[in-house]
Protein backbone atom coordinates (compact mmCIF):
# COMPACT_ATOMS: atom_id res chain seq x y z
CA UNK A 1 -96.97 -37.20 146.73
CA UNK A 2 -96.42 -40.95 146.58
CA UNK A 3 -99.75 -41.43 144.80
CA UNK A 4 -98.76 -38.92 142.11
CA UNK A 5 -95.44 -40.71 141.58
CA UNK A 6 -97.21 -44.05 141.34
CA UNK A 7 -99.67 -42.71 138.78
CA UNK A 8 -96.83 -41.20 136.74
CA UNK A 9 -94.92 -44.49 136.77
CA UNK A 10 -98.01 -46.48 135.75
CA UNK A 11 -98.68 -44.07 132.89
CA UNK A 12 -95.10 -44.32 131.67
CA UNK A 13 -95.24 -48.12 131.72
CA UNK A 14 -98.51 -48.16 129.79
CA UNK A 15 -97.18 -45.82 127.12
CA UNK A 16 -93.94 -47.76 126.79
CA UNK A 17 -95.90 -50.95 126.20
CA UNK A 18 -97.59 -49.39 123.18
CA UNK A 19 -94.37 -48.68 121.25
CA UNK A 20 -93.49 -51.18 118.53
CA UNK A 21 -90.43 -53.37 119.04
CA UNK A 22 -87.18 -51.86 117.75
CA UNK A 23 -86.40 -53.35 114.37
CA UNK A 24 -89.95 -54.45 113.58
CA UNK A 25 -91.51 -53.44 110.28
CA UNK A 26 -93.89 -51.05 112.07
CA UNK A 27 -90.99 -49.44 113.97
CA UNK A 28 -89.08 -48.90 110.71
CA UNK A 29 -92.16 -47.31 109.12
CA UNK A 30 -92.69 -45.01 112.12
CA UNK A 31 -89.07 -43.85 112.00
CA UNK A 32 -89.24 -43.25 108.24
CA UNK A 33 -92.12 -40.84 108.89
CA UNK A 34 -90.30 -39.07 111.74
CA UNK A 35 -88.16 -36.04 110.73
CA UNK A 36 -84.50 -37.11 110.56
CA UNK A 37 -83.48 -34.14 112.75
CA UNK A 38 -85.60 -35.59 115.57
CA UNK A 39 -83.88 -38.99 115.56
CA UNK A 40 -81.61 -39.88 118.46
CA UNK A 41 -78.17 -41.39 117.79
CA UNK A 42 -79.49 -44.76 118.98
CA UNK A 43 -82.51 -44.57 116.66
CA UNK A 44 -80.25 -43.80 113.68
CA UNK A 45 -77.95 -46.73 114.54
CA UNK A 46 -80.88 -49.11 115.06
CA UNK A 47 -82.57 -47.92 111.85
CA UNK A 48 -79.42 -48.62 109.84
CA UNK A 49 -78.97 -52.01 111.49
CA UNK A 50 -82.55 -53.25 111.32
CA UNK A 51 -84.16 -51.38 108.43
CA UNK A 52 -81.41 -50.71 105.86
CA UNK A 53 -78.99 -53.60 106.37
CA UNK A 54 -81.75 -56.08 107.23
CA UNK A 55 -80.91 -59.67 106.43
CA UNK A 56 -84.22 -61.25 105.45
CA UNK A 57 -84.14 -64.65 107.08
């Protein structure tokens, strides 16, 4: 049982490490291709903040 939990945790950590950073250009592109109905409230807020109202520094 503990081994299964450890494997599940390791898999989750590996998959999380593959996601682009919130607000990066790749993240914005991925969200643009995702159906709007599937967005979470946090994704919508972050998309507006980082992708629409981006201040190019």
